[in-house]
C-alpha atoms as a PDB file:
ATOM      1  CA  MET A   1      25.425 -10.040   6.695  1.00  0.00           C
ATOM      2  CA  GLU A   2      25.376  -9.666  10.442  1.00  0.00           C
ATOM      3  CA  ILE A   3      22.358  -8.747  12.504  1.00  0.00           C
ATOM      4  CA  LYS A   4      22.729  -5.312  14.041  1.00  0.00           C
ATOM      5  CA  HIS A   5      21.609  -4.422  17.546  1.00  0.00           C
ATOM      6  CA  GLY A   6      19.882  -1.078  17.672  1.00  0.00           C
ATOM      7  CA  ASN A   7      18.925   1.310  20.420  1.00  0.00           C
ATOM      8  CA  GLU A   8      17.262   4.681  20.815  1.00  0.00           C
ATOM      9  CA  ASN A   9      20.504   6.478  19.903  1.00  0.00           C
ATOM     10  CA  ASN A  10      21.316   4.703  16.623  1.00  0.00           C
ATOM     11  CA  PHE A  11      17.858   3.617  15.393  1.00  0.00           C
ATOM     12  CA  ASP A  12      17.337   6.407  12.847  1.00  0.00           C
ATOM     13  CA  ASN A  13      20.784   5.845  11.377  1.00  0.00           C
ATOM     14  CA  LEU A  14      20.300   2.057  11.129  1.00  0.00           C
ATOM     15  CA  THR A  15      16.950   2.378   9.346  1.00  0.00           C
ATOM     16  CA  SER A  16      17.737   5.331   7.057  1.00  0.00           C
ATOM     17  CA  LYS A  17      19.056   3.518   3.954  1.00  0.00           C
ATOM     18  CA  GLY A  18      17.554   0.710   1.934  1.00  0.00           C
ATOM     19  CA  LEU A  19      15.262  -2.027   3.176  1.00  0.00           C
ATOM     20  CA  VAL A  20      15.562  -2.779   6.904  1.00  0.00           C
ATOM     21  CA  LEU A  21      13.725  -5.421   8.913  1.00  0.00           C
ATOM     22  CA  VAL A  22      13.462  -4.424  12.577  1.00  0.00           C
ATOM     23  CA  ASP A  23      12.725  -7.068  15.213  1.00  0.00           C
ATOM     24  CA  PHE A  24      11.336  -5.751  18.505  1.00  0.00           C
ATOM     25  CA  PHE A  25      12.002  -8.550  21.004  1.00  0.00           C
ATOM     26  CA  ALA A  26      12.719  -9.459  24.626  1.00  0.00           C
ATOM     27  CA  ASN A  27      15.105 -12.095  25.966  1.00  0.00           C
ATOM     28  CA  TRP A  28      12.334 -13.659  28.085  1.00  0.00           C
ATOM     29  CA  CYS A  29       9.977 -14.085  25.102  1.00  0.00           C
ATOM     30  CA  GLY A  30       9.781 -17.679  23.801  1.00  0.00           C
ATOM     31  CA  PRO A  31       8.414 -16.826  20.330  1.00  0.00           C
ATOM     32  CA  CYS A  32      11.097 -14.114  20.054  1.00  0.00           C
ATOM     33  CA  ARG A  33      13.811 -16.720  20.646  1.00  0.00           C
ATOM     34  CA  MET A  34      12.239 -18.981  18.012  1.00  0.00           C
ATOM     35  CA  LEU A  35      12.115 -16.079  15.552  1.00  0.00           C
ATOM     36  CA  ALA A  36      15.795 -15.314  16.236  1.00  0.00           C
ATOM     37  CA  THR A  37      16.736 -18.583  14.509  1.00  0.00           C
ATOM     38  CA  GLN A  38      14.784 -17.580  11.389  1.00  0.00           C
ATOM     39  CA  LEU A  39      16.424 -14.157  11.352  1.00  0.00           C
ATOM     40  CA  GLU A  40      19.911 -15.672  11.723  1.00  0.00           C
ATOM     41  CA  ASN A  41      19.234 -17.898   8.696  1.00  0.00           C
ATOM     42  CA  LEU A  42      18.015 -14.922   6.672  1.00  0.00           C
ATOM     43  CA  ALA A  43      21.038 -12.860   7.691  1.00  0.00           C
ATOM     44  CA  ASN A  44      23.340 -15.644   6.504  1.00  0.00           C
ATOM     45  CA  ASN A  45      21.544 -16.224   3.199  1.00  0.00           C
ATOM     46  CA  ARG A  46      20.174 -12.855   2.051  1.00  0.00           C
ATOM     47  CA  SER A  47      21.958  -9.554   1.559  1.00  0.00           C
ATOM     48  CA  GLU A  48      19.391  -7.220  -0.035  1.00  0.00           C
ATOM     49  CA  PHE A  49      18.090  -6.012   3.340  1.00  0.00           C
ATOM     50  CA  ASP A  50      19.456  -5.354   6.812  1.00  0.00           C
ATOM     51  CA  ILE A  51      18.158  -6.823  10.063  1.00  0.00           C
ATOM     52  CA  VAL A  52      18.119  -4.772  13.258  1.00  0.00           C
ATOM     53  CA  LYS A  53      17.105  -6.147  16.665  1.00  0.00           C
ATOM     54  CA  ILE A  54      15.620  -3.845  19.318  1.00  0.00           C
ATOM     55  CA  ASN A  55      15.280  -5.078  22.899  1.00  0.00           C
ATOM     56  CA  VAL A  56      11.960  -3.665  24.160  1.00  0.00           C
ATOM     57  CA  ASP A  57      13.057  -3.800  27.810  1.00  0.00           C
ATOM     58  CA  GLU A  58      16.087  -1.622  27.084  1.00  0.00           C
ATOM     59  CA  ASN A  59      14.403   0.721  24.577  1.00  0.00           C
ATOM     60  CA  GLN A  60      11.003   1.551  26.011  1.00  0.00           C
ATOM     61  CA  ASN A  61      10.726   4.984  24.386  1.00  0.00           C
ATOM     62  CA  LEU A  62      11.371   3.500  20.946  1.00  0.00           C
ATOM     63  CA  SER A  63       8.843   0.742  21.621  1.00  0.00           C
ATOM     64  CA  LYS A  64       6.284   3.347  22.648  1.00  0.00           C
ATOM     65  CA  LYS A  65       7.013   5.487  19.578  1.00  0.00           C
ATOM     66  CA  TYR A  66       6.128   2.580  17.271  1.00  0.00           C
ATOM     67  CA  GLY A  67       3.206   1.327  19.365  1.00  0.00           C
ATOM     68  CA  ILE A  68       4.750  -2.024  20.225  1.00  0.00           C
ATOM     69  CA  MET A  69       2.174  -3.803  22.392  1.00  0.00           C
ATOM     70  CA  SER A  70       3.005  -7.444  21.559  1.00  0.00           C
ATOM     71  CA  ILE A  71       6.252  -9.166  20.695  1.00  0.00           C
ATOM     72  CA  PRO A  72       7.819 -10.318  18.548  1.00  0.00           C
ATOM     73  CA  ALA A  73       6.962  -7.356  16.364  1.00  0.00           C
ATOM     74  CA  LEU A  74       8.556  -6.995  12.946  1.00  0.00           C
ATOM     75  CA  LEU A  75       8.658  -3.574  11.311  1.00  0.00           C
ATOM     76  CA  LEU A  76       9.805  -3.055   7.748  1.00  0.00           C
ATOM     77  CA  PHE A  77      11.466   0.237   6.834  1.00  0.00           C
ATOM     78  CA  LYS A  78      12.460   1.518   3.417  1.00  0.00           C
ATOM     79  CA  ASP A  79      14.827   4.488   3.312  1.00  0.00           C
ATOM     80  CA  GLY A  80      13.825   5.506   6.831  1.00  0.00           C
ATOM     81  CA  ASN A  81      10.066   5.196   6.328  1.00  0.00           C
ATOM     82  CA  LEU A  82       7.945   2.545   8.021  1.00  0.00           C
ATOM     83  CA  ILE A  83       6.170   0.651   5.227  1.00  0.00           C
ATOM     84  CA  ASP A  84       4.660  -2.385   6.972  1.00  0.00           C
ATOM     85  CA  ASN A  85       4.596  -4.395  10.192  1.00  0.00           C
ATOM     86  CA  LYS A  86       3.711  -7.861  11.457  1.00  0.00           C
ATOM     87  CA  ILE A  87       3.099  -9.154  14.973  1.00  0.00           C
ATOM     88  CA  GLY A  88       4.012 -12.633  16.200  1.00  0.00           C
ATOM     89  CA  TYR A  89       6.176 -15.497  15.096  1.00  0.00           C
ATOM     90  CA  MET A  90       6.707 -15.997  11.354  1.00  0.00           C
ATOM     91  CA  SER A  91       8.501 -18.772   9.513  1.00  0.00           C
ATOM     92  CA  GLU A  92      11.541 -17.938   7.416  1.00  0.00           C
ATOM     93  CA  GLU A  93       9.481 -18.473   4.248  1.00  0.00           C
ATOM     94  CA  GLU A  94       6.737 -16.137   5.500  1.00  0.00           C
ATOM     95  CA  ILE A  95       9.301 -13.447   6.287  1.00  0.00           C
ATOM     96  CA  GLU A  96      10.918 -13.810   2.863  1.00  0.00           C
ATOM     97  CA  ASN A  97       7.548 -13.577   1.096  1.00  0.00           C
ATOM     98  CA  TRP A  98       6.595 -10.512   3.139  1.00  0.00           C
ATOM     99  CA  ILE A  99       9.886  -8.784   2.321  1.00  0.00           C
ATOM    100  CA  ASN A 100       9.607  -9.662  -1.380  1.00  0.00           C
ATOM    101  CA  GLU A 101       6.085  -8.127  -1.453  1.00  0.00           C
ATOM    102  CA  ASN A 102       7.487  -4.861  -0.067  1.00  0.00           C
ATOM    103  CA  LYS A 103      10.729  -4.423  -2.008  1.00  0.00           C
END
């Protein structure tokens, strides 16, 4: 599965079906770049959820809507509804466990 890049125009469509992990990030953020590696591995090895990346610098209204104050911020959506969120870097195993708890 490939990681999708979302924006304020396509966000609702990208998060409307199934389980979707949304990564709010910035290119200048070191922990965000470290997390990107974990998300790439998950995208290559898991198919039961989608991954969407949202650049906070380019999507400030969306960041404000979801109260993003620190990055990386991971939001988990199920069928368009926000069901959980985590702030900060997480290992691949931690992300997998979190997703499995919320399926």
